Amino acid sequence: MPPGNHVMIRSPWKSNTMIRFLKRWQKKRAVRELQLRIDHCRKTIADVEKALSAEELRPEIALPFRRLGAALERVDVSQLDEPELEKIETATNKLLSEFRTLYLQGKLKNIHTGLLH
């Protein structure tokens, strides 16, 4: 056979195996990404709930955060998809925005003491 005229023989087993491997890898990667995002929501909720509990405000103010945090602990990320996670993130952000007024009025201290990004 002259140089440059190579014939590739593909094994259907190897191709199917590779495709299955790539699909599993993509699924695991997507689940890891969702896990990171849900963990961030959990951490944010826990930080806010802890800060609100430490404040000398009415205890019932921390209750929505406690409930949301408990609900997030029961979420099975492997059963979650992107739109569902976006709803969780939206709910978390909406709850945080409701407390923004108290923060801007100086009735709540800064919850996050680390680096901002």
PDB file of N, CA and C in Angstrom:
ATOM      1  N   MET A   1       0.856  -1.166   0.000  1.00  0.00           N
ATOM      2  CA  MET A   1       0.000   0.000   0.000  1.00  0.00           C
ATOM      3  C   MET A   1       0.907   1.237   0.000  1.00  0.00           C
ATOM      4  N   PRO A   2       0.629   2.212  -0.871  1.00  0.00           N
ATOM      5  CA  PRO A   2       1.451   3.423  -0.932  1.00  0.00           C
ATOM      6  C   PRO A   2       1.269   4.263   0.337  1.00  0.00           C
ATOM      7  N   PRO A   3       2.336   5.036   0.693  1.00  0.00           N
ATOM      8  CA  PRO A   3       2.229   5.892   1.883  1.00  0.00           C
ATOM      9  C   PRO A   3       1.071   6.886   1.743  1.00  0.00           C
ATOM     10  N   GLY A   4       0.393   7.130   2.864  1.00  0.00           N
ATOM     11  CA  GLY A   4      -0.703   8.093   2.882  1.00  0.00           C
ATOM     12  C   GLY A   4      -2.051   7.482   2.575  1.00  0.00           C
ATOM     13  N   ASN A   5      -2.089   6.239   2.130  1.00  0.00           N
ATOM     14  CA  ASN A   5      -3.360   5.578   1.843  1.00  0.00           C
ATOM     15  C   ASN A   5      -3.627   4.498   2.895  1.00  0.00           C
ATOM     16  N   HIS A   6      -3.750   4.925   4.117  1.00  0.00           N
ATOM     17  CA  HIS A   6      -3.992   3.979   5.198  1.00  0.00           C
ATOM     18  C   HIS A   6      -5.477   3.680   5.321  1.00  0.00           C
ATOM     19  N   VAL A   7      -5.763   2.468   5.603  1.00  0.00           N
ATOM     20  CA  VAL A   7      -7.147   2.060   5.828  1.00  0.00           C
ATOM     21  C   VAL A   7      -7.317   1.806   7.320  1.00  0.00           C
ATOM     22  N   MET A   8      -8.277   2.481   7.905  1.00  0.00           N
ATOM     23  CA  MET A   8      -8.556   2.298   9.332  1.00  0.00           C
ATOM     24  C   MET A   8      -9.654   1.259   9.475  1.00  0.00           C
ATOM     25  N   ILE A   9      -9.394   0.260  10.255  1.00  0.00           N
ATOM     26  CA  ILE A   9     -10.417  -0.734  10.552  1.00  0.00           C
ATOM     27  C   ILE A   9     -10.867  -0.471  11.975  1.00  0.00           C
ATOM     28  N   ARG A  10     -12.125  -0.161  12.127  1.00  0.00           N
ATOM     29  CA  ARG A  10     -12.660   0.148  13.448  1.00  0.00           C
ATOM     30  C   ARG A  10     -13.431  -1.052  13.977  1.00  0.00           C
ATOM     31  N   SER A  11     -13.183  -1.318  15.184  1.00  0.00           N
ATOM     32  CA  SER A  11     -13.917  -2.382  15.844  1.00  0.00           C
ATOM     33  C   SER A  11     -15.198  -1.793  16.412  1.00  0.00           C
ATOM     34  N   PRO A  12     -16.352  -2.355  16.061  1.00  0.00           N
ATOM     35  CA  PRO A  12     -17.604  -1.827  16.622  1.00  0.00           C
ATOM     36  C   PRO A  12     -17.631  -1.930  18.135  1.00  0.00           C
ATOM     37  N   TRP A  13     -16.986  -2.928  18.710  1.00  0.00           N
ATOM     38  CA  TRP A  13     -16.942  -3.078  20.161  1.00  0.00           C
ATOM     39  C   TRP A  13     -16.221  -1.896  20.783  1.00  0.00           C
ATOM     40  N   LYS A  14     -15.083  -1.518  20.222  1.00  0.00           N
ATOM     41  CA  LYS A  14     -14.314  -0.400  20.780  1.00  0.00           C
ATOM     42  C   LYS A  14     -15.081   0.910  20.630  1.00  0.00           C
ATOM     43  N   SER A  15     -15.740   1.116  19.518  1.00  0.00           N
ATOM     44  CA  SER A  15     -16.492   2.351  19.314  1.00  0.00           C
ATOM     45  C   SER A  15     -17.649   2.444  20.294  1.00  0.00           C
ATOM     46  N   ASN A  16     -18.406   1.369  20.439  1.00  0.00           N
ATOM     47  CA  ASN A  16     -19.535   1.367  21.374  1.00  0.00           C
ATOM     48  C   ASN A  16     -19.057   1.519  22.809  1.00  0.00           C
ATOM     49  N   THR A  17     -17.958   0.885  23.141  1.00  0.00           N
ATOM     50  CA  THR A  17     -17.406   0.999  24.486  1.00  0.00           C
ATOM     51  C   THR A  17     -16.983   2.435  24.763  1.00  0.00           C
ATOM     52  N   MET A  18     -16.346   3.049  23.805  1.00  0.00           N
ATOM     53  CA  MET A  18     -15.885   4.430  23.963  1.00  0.00           C
ATOM     54  C   MET A  18     -17.079   5.373  24.112  1.00  0.00           C
ATOM     55  N   ILE A  19     -18.101   5.155  23.323  1.00  0.00           N
ATOM     56  CA  ILE A  19     -19.294   6.006  23.409  1.00  0.00           C
ATOM     57  C   ILE A  19     -19.948   5.871  24.782  1.00  0.00           C
ATOM     58  N   ARG A  20     -20.080   4.628  25.266  1.00  0.00           N
ATOM     59  CA  ARG A  20     -20.663   4.419  26.596  1.00  0.00           C
ATOM     60  C   ARG A  20     -19.799   5.065  27.671  1.00  0.00           C
ATOM     61  N   PHE A  21     -18.479   4.931  27.537  1.00  0.00           N
ATOM     62  CA  PHE A  21     -17.555   5.547  28.492  1.00  0.00           C
ATOM     63  C   PHE A  21     -17.732   7.065  28.510  1.00  0.00           C
ATOM     64  N   LEU A  22     -17.782   7.671  27.335  1.00  0.00           N
ATOM     65  CA  LEU A  22     -17.925   9.128  27.253  1.00  0.00           C
ATOM     66  C   LEU A  22     -19.261   9.595  27.821  1.00  0.00           C
ATOM     67  N   LYS A  23     -20.313   8.847  27.581  1.00  0.00           N
ATOM     68  CA  LYS A  23     -21.623   9.220  28.129  1.00  0.00           C
ATOM     69  C   LYS A  23     -21.616   9.136  29.650  1.00  0.00           C
ATOM     70  N   ARG A  24     -21.010   8.072  30.205  1.00  0.00           N
ATOM     71  CA  ARG A  24     -20.919   7.953  31.665  1.00  0.00           C
ATOM     72  C   ARG A  24     -20.074   9.086  32.248  1.00  0.00           C
ATOM     73  N   TRP A  25     -18.976   9.406  31.576  1.00  0.00           N
ATOM     74  CA  TRP A  25     -18.091  10.474  32.041  1.00  0.00           C
ATOM     75  C   TRP A  25     -18.822  11.817  32.026  1.00  0.00           C
ATOM     76  N   GLN A  26     -19.575  12.082  30.959  1.00  0.00           N
ATOM     77  CA  GLN A  26     -20.327  13.334  30.874  1.00  0.00           C
ATOM     78  C   GLN A  26     -21.388  13.407  31.958  1.00  0.00           C
ATOM     79  N   LYS A  27     -22.064  12.298  32.239  1.00  0.00           N
ATOM     80  CA  LYS A  27     -23.087  12.259  33.284  1.00  0.00           C
ATOM     81  C   LYS A  27     -22.461  12.527  34.651  1.00  0.00           C
ATOM     82  N   LYS A  28     -21.318  11.868  34.928  1.00  0.00           N
ATOM     83  CA  LYS A  28     -20.641  12.079  36.212  1.00  0.00           C
ATOM     84  C   LYS A  28     -20.183  13.522  36.348  1.00  0.00           C
ATOM     85  N   ARG A  29     -19.689  14.080  35.275  1.00  0.00           N
ATOM     86  CA  ARG A  29     -19.239  15.474  35.301  1.00  0.00           C
ATOM     87  C   ARG A  29     -20.406  16.418  35.568  1.00  0.00           C
ATOM     88  N   ALA A  30     -21.541  16.166  34.914  1.00  0.00           N
ATOM     89  CA  ALA A  30     -22.724  16.995  35.121  1.00  0.00           C
ATOM     90  C   ALA A  30     -23.221  16.880  36.556  1.00  0.00           C
ATOM     91  N   VAL A  31     -23.204  15.673  37.116  1.00  0.00           N
ATOM     92  CA  VAL A  31     -23.640  15.475  38.497  1.00  0.00           C
ATOM     93  C   VAL A  31     -22.702  16.197  39.454  1.00  0.00           C
ATOM     94  N   ARG A  32     -21.387  16.138  39.197  1.00  0.00           N
ATOM     95  CA  ARG A  32     -20.421  16.851  40.055  1.00  0.00           C
ATOM     96  C   ARG A  32     -20.672  18.351  40.020  1.00  0.00           C
ATOM     97  N   GLU A  33     -20.960  18.883  38.836  1.00  0.00           N
ATOM     98  CA  GLU A  33     -21.236  20.320  38.725  1.00  0.00           C
ATOM     99  C   GLU A  33     -22.494  20.690  39.502  1.00  0.00           C
ATOM    100  N   LEU A  34     -23.535  19.892  39.358  1.00  0.00           N
ATOM    101  CA  LEU A  34     -24.773  20.148  40.101  1.00  0.00           C
ATOM    102  C   LEU A  34     -24.528  20.037  41.602  1.00  0.00           C
ATOM    103  N   GLN A  35     -23.689  19.062  41.997  1.00  0.00           N
ATOM    104  CA  GLN A  35     -23.370  18.881  43.419  1.00  0.00           C
ATOM    105  C   GLN A  35     -22.672  20.114  43.977  1.00  0.00           C
ATOM    106  N   LEU A  36     -21.729  20.668  43.216  1.00  0.00           N
ATOM    107  CA  LEU A  36     -21.038  21.881  43.662  1.00  0.00           C
ATOM    108  C   LEU A  36     -22.019  23.038  43.822  1.00  0.00           C
ATOM    109  N   ARG A  37     -22.927  23.172  42.877  1.00  0.00           N
ATOM    110  CA  ARG A  37     -23.887  24.271  42.937  1.00  0.00           C
ATOM    111  C   ARG A  37     -24.857  24.114  44.105  1.00  0.00           C
ATOM    112  N   ILE A  38     -25.336  22.897  44.337  1.00  0.00           N
ATOM    113  CA  ILE A  38     -26.269  22.688  45.454  1.00  0.00           C
ATOM    114  C   ILE A  38     -25.529  22.844  46.776  1.00  0.00           C
ATOM    115  N   ASP A  39     -24.268  22.404  46.822  1.00  0.00           N
ATOM    116  CA  ASP A  39     -23.470  22.589  48.037  1.00  0.00           C
ATOM    117  C   ASP A  39     -23.277  24.075  48.343  1.00  0.00           C
ATOM    118  N   HIS A  40     -23.101  24.874  47.305  1.00  0.00           N
ATOM    119  CA  HIS A  40     -22.953  26.318  47.497  1.00  0.00           C
ATOM    120  C   HIS A  40     -24.244  26.907  48.082  1.00  0.00           C
ATOM    121  N   CYS A  41     -25.386  26.474  47.570  1.00  0.00           N
ATOM    122  CA  CYS A  41     -26.668  26.940  48.119  1.00  0.00           C
ATOM    123  C   CYS A  41     -26.791  26.522  49.582  1.00  0.00           C
ATOM    124  N   ARG A  42     -26.453  25.272  49.884  1.00  0.00           N
ATOM    125  CA  ARG A  42     -26.532  24.777  51.266  1.00  0.00           C
ATOM    126  C   ARG A  42     -25.645  25.602  52.187  1.00  0.00           C
ATOM    127  N   LYS A  43     -24.420  25.863  51.750  1.00  0.00           N
ATOM    128  CA  LYS A  43     -23.467  26.624  52.577  1.00  0.00           C
ATOM    129  C   LYS A  43     -23.978  28.045  52.794  1.00  0.00           C
ATOM    130  N   THR A  44     -24.472  28.661  51.745  1.00  0.00           N
ATOM    131  CA  THR A  44     -25.005  30.021  51.862  1.00  0.00           C
ATOM    132  C   THR A  44     -26.158  30.064  52.852  1.00  0.00           C
ATOM    133  N   ILE A  45     -27.086  29.125  52.713  1.00  0.00           N
ATOM    134  CA  ILE A  45     -28.243  29.072  53.607  1.00  0.00           C
ATOM    135  C   ILE A  45     -27.785  28.830  55.043  1.00  0.00           C
ATOM    136  N   ALA A  46     -26.838  27.912  55.240  1.00  0.00           N
ATOM    137  CA  ALA A  46     -26.348  27.613  56.596  1.00  0.00           C
ATOM    138  C   ALA A  46     -25.674  28.836  57.205  1.00  0.00           C
ATOM    139  N   ASP A  47     -24.879  29.563  56.408  1.00  0.00           N
ATOM    140  CA  ASP A  47     -24.204  30.762  56.908  1.00  0.00           C
ATOM    141  C   ASP A  47     -25.214  31.831  57.320  1.00  0.00           C
ATOM    142  N   VAL A  48     -26.222  32.026  56.493  1.00  0.00           N
ATOM    143  CA  VAL A  48     -27.233  33.045  56.792  1.00  0.00           C
ATOM    144  C   VAL A  48     -28.025  32.647  58.032  1.00  0.00           C
ATOM    145  N   GLU A  49     -28.418  31.380  58.096  1.00  0.00           N
ATOM    146  CA  GLU A  49     -29.191  30.914  59.247  1.00  0.00           C
ATOM    147  C   GLU A  49     -28.379  31.058  60.530  1.00  0.00           C
ATOM    148  N   LYS A  50     -27.102  30.738  60.473  1.00  0.00           N
ATOM    149  CA  LYS A  50     -26.233  30.867  61.642  1.00  0.00           C
ATOM    150  C   LYS A  50     -26.112  32.334  62.068  1.00  0.00           C
ATOM    151  N   ALA A  51     -25.925  33.214  61.096  1.00  0.00           N
ATOM    152  CA  ALA A  51     -25.796  34.635  61.408  1.00  0.00           C
ATOM    153  C   ALA A  51     -27.093  35.204  61.976  1.00  0.00           C
ATOM    154  N   LEU A  52     -28.210  34.787  61.405  1.00  0.00           N
ATOM    155  CA  LEU A  52     -29.502  35.281  61.894  1.00  0.00           C
ATOM    156  C   LEU A  52     -29.798  34.752  63.290  1.00  0.00           C
ATOM    157  N   SER A  53     -29.414  33.528  63.557  1.00  0.00           N
ATOM    158  CA  SER A  53     -29.633  32.961  64.889  1.00  0.00           C
ATOM    159  C   SER A  53     -28.785  33.678  65.931  1.00  0.00           C
ATOM    160  N   ALA A  54     -27.620  34.162  65.527  1.00  0.00           N
ATOM    161  CA  ALA A  54     -26.723  34.864  66.447  1.00  0.00           C
ATOM    162  C   ALA A  54     -27.200  36.293  66.722  1.00  0.00           C
ATOM    163  N   GLU A  55     -27.963  36.849  65.771  1.00  0.00           N
ATOM    164  CA  GLU A  55     -28.472  38.212  65.949  1.00  0.00           C
ATOM    165  C   GLU A  55     -29.530  38.212  67.056  1.00  0.00           C
ATOM    166  N   GLU A  56     -29.740  39.346  67.622  1.00  0.00           N
ATOM    167  CA  GLU A  56     -30.751  39.480  68.680  1.00  0.00           C
ATOM    168  C   GLU A  56     -32.117  39.829  68.096  1.00  0.00           C
ATOM    169  N   LEU A  57     -32.407  39.285  66.939  1.00  0.00           N
ATOM    170  CA  LEU A  57     -33.709  39.508  66.305  1.00  0.00           C
ATOM    171  C   LEU A  57     -34.672  38.400  66.720  1.00  0.00           C
ATOM    172  N   ARG A  58     -35.865  38.487  66.250  1.00  0.00           N
ATOM    173  CA  ARG A  58     -36.835  37.436  66.551  1.00  0.00           C
ATOM    174  C   ARG A  58     -36.362  36.114  65.952  1.00  0.00           C
ATOM    175  N   PRO A  59     -36.447  35.022  66.707  1.00  0.00           N
ATOM    176  CA  PRO A  59     -35.961  33.726  66.215  1.00  0.00           C
ATOM    177  C   PRO A  59     -36.675  33.240  64.956  1.00  0.00           C
ATOM    178  N   GLU A  60     -37.925  33.650  64.774  1.00  0.00           N
ATOM    179  CA  GLU A  60     -38.665  33.160  63.612  1.00  0.00           C
ATOM    180  C   GLU A  60     -38.112  33.697  62.287  1.00  0.00           C
ATOM    181  N   ILE A  61     -37.260  34.714  62.346  1.00  0.00           N
ATOM    182  CA  ILE A  61     -36.651  35.227  61.120  1.00  0.00           C
ATOM    183  C   ILE A  61     -35.731  34.177  60.494  1.00  0.00           C
ATOM    184  N   ALA A  62     -35.070  33.376  61.312  1.00  0.00           N
ATOM    185  CA  ALA A  62     -34.164  32.346  60.794  1.00  0.00           C
ATOM    186  C   ALA A  62     -34.906  31.099  60.328  1.00  0.00           C
ATOM    187  N   LEU A  63     -36.184  30.967  60.657  1.00  0.00           N
ATOM    188  CA  LEU A  63     -36.944  29.762  60.348  1.00  0.00           C
ATOM    189  C   LEU A  63     -36.988  29.417  58.857  1.00  0.00           C
ATOM    190  N   PRO A  64     -37.257  30.368  57.945  1.00  0.00           N
ATOM    191  CA  PRO A  64     -37.266  30.002  56.516  1.00  0.00           C
ATOM    192  C   PRO A  64     -35.926  29.439  56.053  1.00  0.00           C
ATOM    193  N   PHE A  65     -34.833  29.986  56.569  1.00  0.00           N
ATOM    194  CA  PHE A  65     -33.516  29.482  56.198  1.00  0.00           C
ATOM    195  C   PHE A  65     -33.291  28.076  56.748  1.00  0.00           C
ATOM    196  N   ARG A  66     -33.755  27.845  57.957  1.00  0.00           N
ATOM    197  CA  ARG A  66     -33.613  26.516  58.556  1.00  0.00           C
ATOM    198  C   ARG A  66     -34.383  25.492  57.729  1.00  0.00           C
ATOM    199  N   ARG A  67     -35.600  25.845  57.336  1.00  0.00           N
ATOM    200  CA  ARG A  67     -36.429  24.938  56.535  1.00  0.00           C
ATOM    201  C   ARG A  67     -35.818  24.682  55.166  1.00  0.00           C
ATOM    202  N   LEU A  68     -35.344  25.746  54.528  1.00  0.00           N
ATOM    203  CA  LEU A  68     -34.728  25.595  53.208  1.00  0.00           C
ATOM    204  C   LEU A  68     -33.466  24.736  53.300  1.00  0.00           C
ATOM    205  N   GLY A  69     -32.656  24.980  54.322  1.00  0.00           N
ATOM    206  CA  GLY A  69     -31.451  24.171  54.514  1.00  0.00           C
ATOM    207  C   GLY A  69     -31.772  22.704  54.726  1.00  0.00           C
ATOM    208  N   ALA A  70     -32.810  22.418  55.528  1.00  0.00           N
ATOM    209  CA  ALA A  70     -33.226  21.033  55.765  1.00  0.00           C
ATOM    210  C   ALA A  70     -33.729  20.387  54.473  1.00  0.00           C
ATOM    211  N   ALA A  71     -34.452  21.149  53.668  1.00  0.00           N
ATOM    212  CA  ALA A  71     -34.946  20.613  52.392  1.00  0.00           C
ATOM    213  C   ALA A  71     -33.786  20.323  51.443  1.00  0.00           C
ATOM    214  N   LEU A  72     -32.802  21.206  51.409  1.00  0.00           N
ATOM    215  CA  LEU A  72     -31.654  21.001  50.521  1.00  0.00           C
ATOM    216  C   LEU A  72     -30.825  19.788  50.935  1.00  0.00           C
ATOM    217  N   GLU A  73     -30.820  19.474  52.217  1.00  0.00           N
ATOM    218  CA  GLU A  73     -30.076  18.292  52.684  1.00  0.00           C
ATOM    219  C   GLU A  73     -30.684  17.007  52.128  1.00  0.00           C
ATOM    220  N   ARG A  74     -31.967  17.030  51.819  1.00  0.00           N
ATOM    221  CA  ARG A  74     -32.645  15.829  51.322  1.00  0.00           C
ATOM    222  C   ARG A  74     -32.598  15.696  49.805  1.00  0.00           C
ATOM    223  N   VAL A  75     -32.024  16.665  49.109  1.00  0.00           N
ATOM    224  CA  VAL A  75     -31.985  16.637  47.646  1.00  0.00           C
ATOM    225  C   VAL A  75     -30.977  15.593  47.175  1.00  0.00           C
ATOM    226  N   ASP A  76     -31.427  14.721  46.282  1.00  0.00           N
ATOM    227  CA  ASP A  76     -30.558  13.733  45.653  1.00  0.00           C
ATOM    228  C   ASP A  76     -30.087  14.318  44.327  1.00  0.00           C
ATOM    229  N   VAL A  77     -28.843  14.740  44.284  1.00  0.00           N
ATOM    230  CA  VAL A  77     -28.316  15.448  43.126  1.00  0.00           C
ATOM    231  C   VAL A  77     -28.357  14.578  41.872  1.00  0.00           C
ATOM    232  N   SER A  78     -28.220  13.270  42.024  1.00  0.00           N
ATOM    233  CA  SER A  78     -28.237  12.398  40.847  1.00  0.00           C
ATOM    234  C   SER A  78     -29.617  12.390  40.176  1.00  0.00           C
ATOM    235  N   GLN A  79     -30.651  12.813  40.895  1.00  0.00           N
ATOM    236  CA  GLN A  79     -31.999  12.870  40.338  1.00  0.00           C
ATOM    237  C   GLN A  79     -32.397  14.288  39.918  1.00  0.00           C
ATOM    238  N   LEU A  80     -31.459  15.222  40.031  1.00  0.00           N
ATOM    239  CA  LEU A  80     -31.723  16.633  39.776  1.00  0.00           C
ATOM    240  C   LEU A  80     -31.284  16.990  38.361  1.00  0.00           C
ATOM    241  N   ASP A  81     -32.010  17.881  37.714  1.00  0.00           N
ATOM    242  CA  ASP A  81     -31.555  18.377  36.416  1.00  0.00           C
ATOM    243  C   ASP A  81     -31.369  19.897  36.491  1.00  0.00           C
ATOM    244  N   GLU A  82     -30.850  20.456  35.439  1.00  0.00           N
ATOM    245  CA  GLU A  82     -30.491  21.878  35.399  1.00  0.00           C
ATOM    246  C   GLU A  82     -31.657  22.809  35.741  1.00  0.00           C
ATOM    247  N   PRO A  83     -32.837  22.653  35.122  1.00  0.00           N
ATOM    248  CA  PRO A  83     -33.947  23.560  35.447  1.00  0.00           C
ATOM    249  C   PRO A  83     -34.366  23.486  36.920  1.00  0.00           C
ATOM    250  N   GLU A  84     -34.327  22.300  37.503  1.00  0.00           N
ATOM    251  CA  GLU A  84     -34.695  22.164  38.913  1.00  0.00           C
ATOM    252  C   GLU A  84     -33.687  22.874  39.805  1.00  0.00           C
ATOM    253  N   LEU A  85     -32.407  22.733  39.483  1.00  0.00           N
ATOM    254  CA  LEU A  85     -31.381  23.403  40.267  1.00  0.00           C
ATOM    255  C   LEU A  85     -31.493  24.917  40.131  1.00  0.00           C
ATOM    256  N   GLU A  86     -31.808  25.377  38.939  1.00  0.00           N
ATOM    257  CA  GLU A  86     -31.992  26.816  38.749  1.00  0.00           C
ATOM    258  C   GLU A  86     -33.138  27.349  39.620  1.00  0.00           C
ATOM    259  N   LYS A  87     -34.183  26.540  39.797  1.00  0.00           N
ATOM    260  CA  LYS A  87     -35.286  26.943  40.681  1.00  0.00           C
ATOM    261  C   LYS A  87     -34.806  27.048  42.125  1.00  0.00           C
ATOM    262  N   ILE A  88     -33.966  26.110  42.547  1.00  0.00           N
ATOM    263  CA  ILE A  88     -33.419  26.146  43.909  1.00  0.00           C
ATOM    264  C   ILE A  88     -32.543  27.378  44.081  1.00  0.00           C
ATOM    265  N   GLU A  89     -31.697  27.653  43.099  1.00  0.00           N
ATOM    266  CA  GLU A  89     -30.831  28.830  43.170  1.00  0.00           C
ATOM    267  C   GLU A  89     -31.656  30.115  43.175  1.00  0.00           C
ATOM    268  N   THR A  90     -32.705  30.148  42.380  1.00  0.00           N
ATOM    269  CA  THR A  90     -33.580  31.328  42.340  1.00  0.00           C
ATOM    270  C   THR A  90     -34.270  31.530  43.688  1.00  0.00           C
ATOM    271  N   ALA A  91     -34.755  30.440  44.280  1.00  0.00           N
ATOM    272  CA  ALA A  91     -35.405  30.543  45.594  1.00  0.00           C
ATOM    273  C   ALA A  91     -34.422  31.031  46.649  1.00  0.00           C
ATOM    274  N   THR A  92     -33.201  30.520  46.598  1.00  0.00           N
ATOM    275  CA  THR A  92     -32.169  30.951  47.547  1.00  0.00           C
ATOM    276  C   THR A  92     -31.888  32.440  47.382  1.00  0.00           C
ATOM    277  N   ASN A  93     -31.721  32.883  46.151  1.00  0.00           N
ATOM    278  CA  ASN A  93     -31.444  34.295  45.892  1.00  0.00           C
ATOM    279  C   ASN A  93     -32.617  35.191  46.283  1.00  0.00           C
ATOM    280  N   LYS A  94     -33.842  34.716  46.055  1.00  0.00           N
ATOM    281  CA  LYS A  94     -35.012  35.518  46.429  1.00  0.00           C
ATOM    282  C   LYS A  94     -35.085  35.682  47.943  1.00  0.00           C
ATOM    283  N   LEU A  95     -34.825  34.600  48.657  1.00  0.00           N
ATOM    284  CA  LEU A  95     -34.851  34.672  50.117  1.00  0.00           C
ATOM    285  C   LEU A  95     -33.761  35.626  50.622  1.00  0.00           C
ATOM    286  N   LEU A  96     -32.593  35.564  50.019  1.00  0.00           N
ATOM    287  CA  LEU A  96     -31.515  36.478  50.413  1.00  0.00           C
ATOM    288  C   LEU A  96     -31.878  37.934  50.118  1.00  0.00           C
ATOM    289  N   SER A  97     -32.534  38.158  48.986  1.00  0.00           N
ATOM    290  CA  SER A  97     -32.878  39.541  48.627  1.00  0.00           C
ATOM    291  C   SER A  97     -33.888  40.139  49.601  1.00  0.00           C
ATOM    292  N   GLU A  98     -34.716  39.292  50.218  1.00  0.00           N
ATOM    293  CA  GLU A  98     -35.676  39.792  51.192  1.00  0.00           C
ATOM    294  C   GLU A  98     -34.980  40.330  52.449  1.00  0.00           C
ATOM    295  N   PHE A  99     -33.795  39.823  52.721  1.00  0.00           N
ATOM    296  CA  PHE A  99     -33.047  40.283  53.891  1.00  0.00           C
ATOM    297  C   PHE A  99     -32.102  41.437  53.564  1.00  0.00           C
ATOM    298  N   ARG A 100     -32.001  41.761  52.294  1.00  0.00           N
ATOM    299  CA  ARG A 100     -31.114  42.850  51.879  1.00  0.00           C
ATOM    300  C   ARG A 100     -31.523  44.173  52.520  1.00  0.00           C
ATOM    301  N   THR A 101     -32.817  44.422  52.609  1.00  0.00           N
ATOM    302  CA  THR A 101     -33.309  45.659  53.203  1.00  0.00           C
ATOM    303  C   THR A 101     -32.832  45.803  54.643  1.00  0.00           C
ATOM    304  N   LEU A 102     -32.930  44.712  55.418  1.00  0.00           N
ATOM    305  CA  LEU A 102     -32.454  44.753  56.807  1.00  0.00           C
ATOM    306  C   LEU A 102     -30.954  45.045  56.862  1.00  0.00           C
ATOM    307  N   TYR A 103     -30.207  44.453  55.946  1.00  0.00           N
ATOM    308  CA  TYR A 103     -28.772  44.691  55.913  1.00  0.00           C
ATOM    309  C   TYR A 103     -28.479  46.147  55.557  1.00  0.00           C
ATOM    310  N   LEU A 104     -29.151  46.672  54.547  1.00  0.00           N
ATOM    311  CA  LEU A 104     -28.914  48.051  54.120  1.00  0.00           C
ATOM    312  C   LEU A 104     -29.326  49.056  55.193  1.00  0.00           C
ATOM    313  N   GLN A 105     -30.299  48.708  56.019  1.00  0.00           N
ATOM    314  CA  GLN A 105     -30.720  49.583  57.111  1.00  0.00           C
ATOM    315  C   GLN A 105     -29.806  49.446  58.323  1.00  0.00           C
ATOM    316  N   GLY A 106     -28.844  48.553  58.254  1.00  0.00           N
ATOM    317  CA  GLY A 106     -27.914  48.358  59.357  1.00  0.00           C
ATOM    318  C   GLY A 106     -28.465  47.498  60.483  1.00  0.00           C
ATOM    319  N   LYS A 107     -29.585  46.825  60.234  1.00  0.00           N
ATOM    320  CA  LYS A 107     -30.178  45.985  61.265  1.00  0.00           C
ATOM    321  C   LYS A 107     -29.568  44.585  61.298  1.00  0.00           C
ATOM    322  N   LEU A 108     -28.824  44.236  60.251  1.00  0.00           N
ATOM    323  CA  LEU A 108     -28.103  42.965  60.199  1.00  0.00           C
ATOM    324  C   LEU A 108     -26.644  43.247  59.885  1.00  0.00           C
ATOM    325  N   LYS A 109     -25.768  42.477  60.497  1.00  0.00           N
ATOM    326  CA  LYS A 109     -24.349  42.657  60.191  1.00  0.00           C
ATOM    327  C   LYS A 109     -23.996  41.887  58.926  1.00  0.00           C
ATOM    328  N   ASN A 110     -22.811  42.137  58.407  1.00  0.00           N
ATOM    329  CA  ASN A 110     -22.319  41.444  57.224  1.00  0.00           C
ATOM    330  C   ASN A 110     -22.135  39.967  57.577  1.00  0.00           C
ATOM    331  N   ILE A 111     -22.753  39.102  56.813  1.00  0.00           N
ATOM    332  CA  ILE A 111     -22.704  37.670  57.084  1.00  0.00           C
ATOM    333  C   ILE A 111     -21.405  37.073  56.583  1.00  0.00           C
ATOM    334  N   HIS A 112     -20.976  37.480  55.419  1.00  0.00           N
ATOM    335  CA  HIS A 112     -19.775  36.909  54.811  1.00  0.00           C
ATOM    336  C   HIS A 112     -18.556  37.702  55.262  1.00  0.00           C
ATOM    337  N   THR A 113     -17.631  36.997  55.895  1.00  0.00           N
ATOM    338  CA  THR A 113     -16.439  37.674  56.388  1.00  0.00           C
ATOM    339  C   THR A 113     -15.200  37.324  55.570  1.00  0.00           C
ATOM    340  N   GLY A 114     -15.350  36.456  54.566  1.00  0.00           N
ATOM    341  CA  GLY A 114     -14.210  36.045  53.745  1.00  0.00           C
ATOM    342  C   GLY A 114     -14.022  36.980  52.569  1.00  0.00           C
ATOM    343  N   LEU A 115     -13.240  36.507  51.606  1.00  0.00           N
ATOM    344  CA  LEU A 115     -12.988  37.277  50.398  1.00  0.00           C
ATOM    345  C   LEU A 115     -14.224  37.321  49.516  1.00  0.00           C
ATOM    346  N   LEU A 116     -14.451  38.450  48.888  1.00  0.00           N
ATOM    347  CA  LEU A 116     -15.544  38.589  47.953  1.00  0.00           C
ATOM    348  C   LEU A 116     -15.013  38.303  46.560  1.00  0.00           C
ATOM    349  N   HIS A 117     -15.867  37.731  45.745  1.00  0.00           N
ATOM    350  CA  HIS A 117     -15.449  37.476  44.356  1.00  0.00           C
ATOM    351  C   HIS A 117     -16.552  37.797  43.407  1.00  0.00           C
TER     352      HIS A 117
END
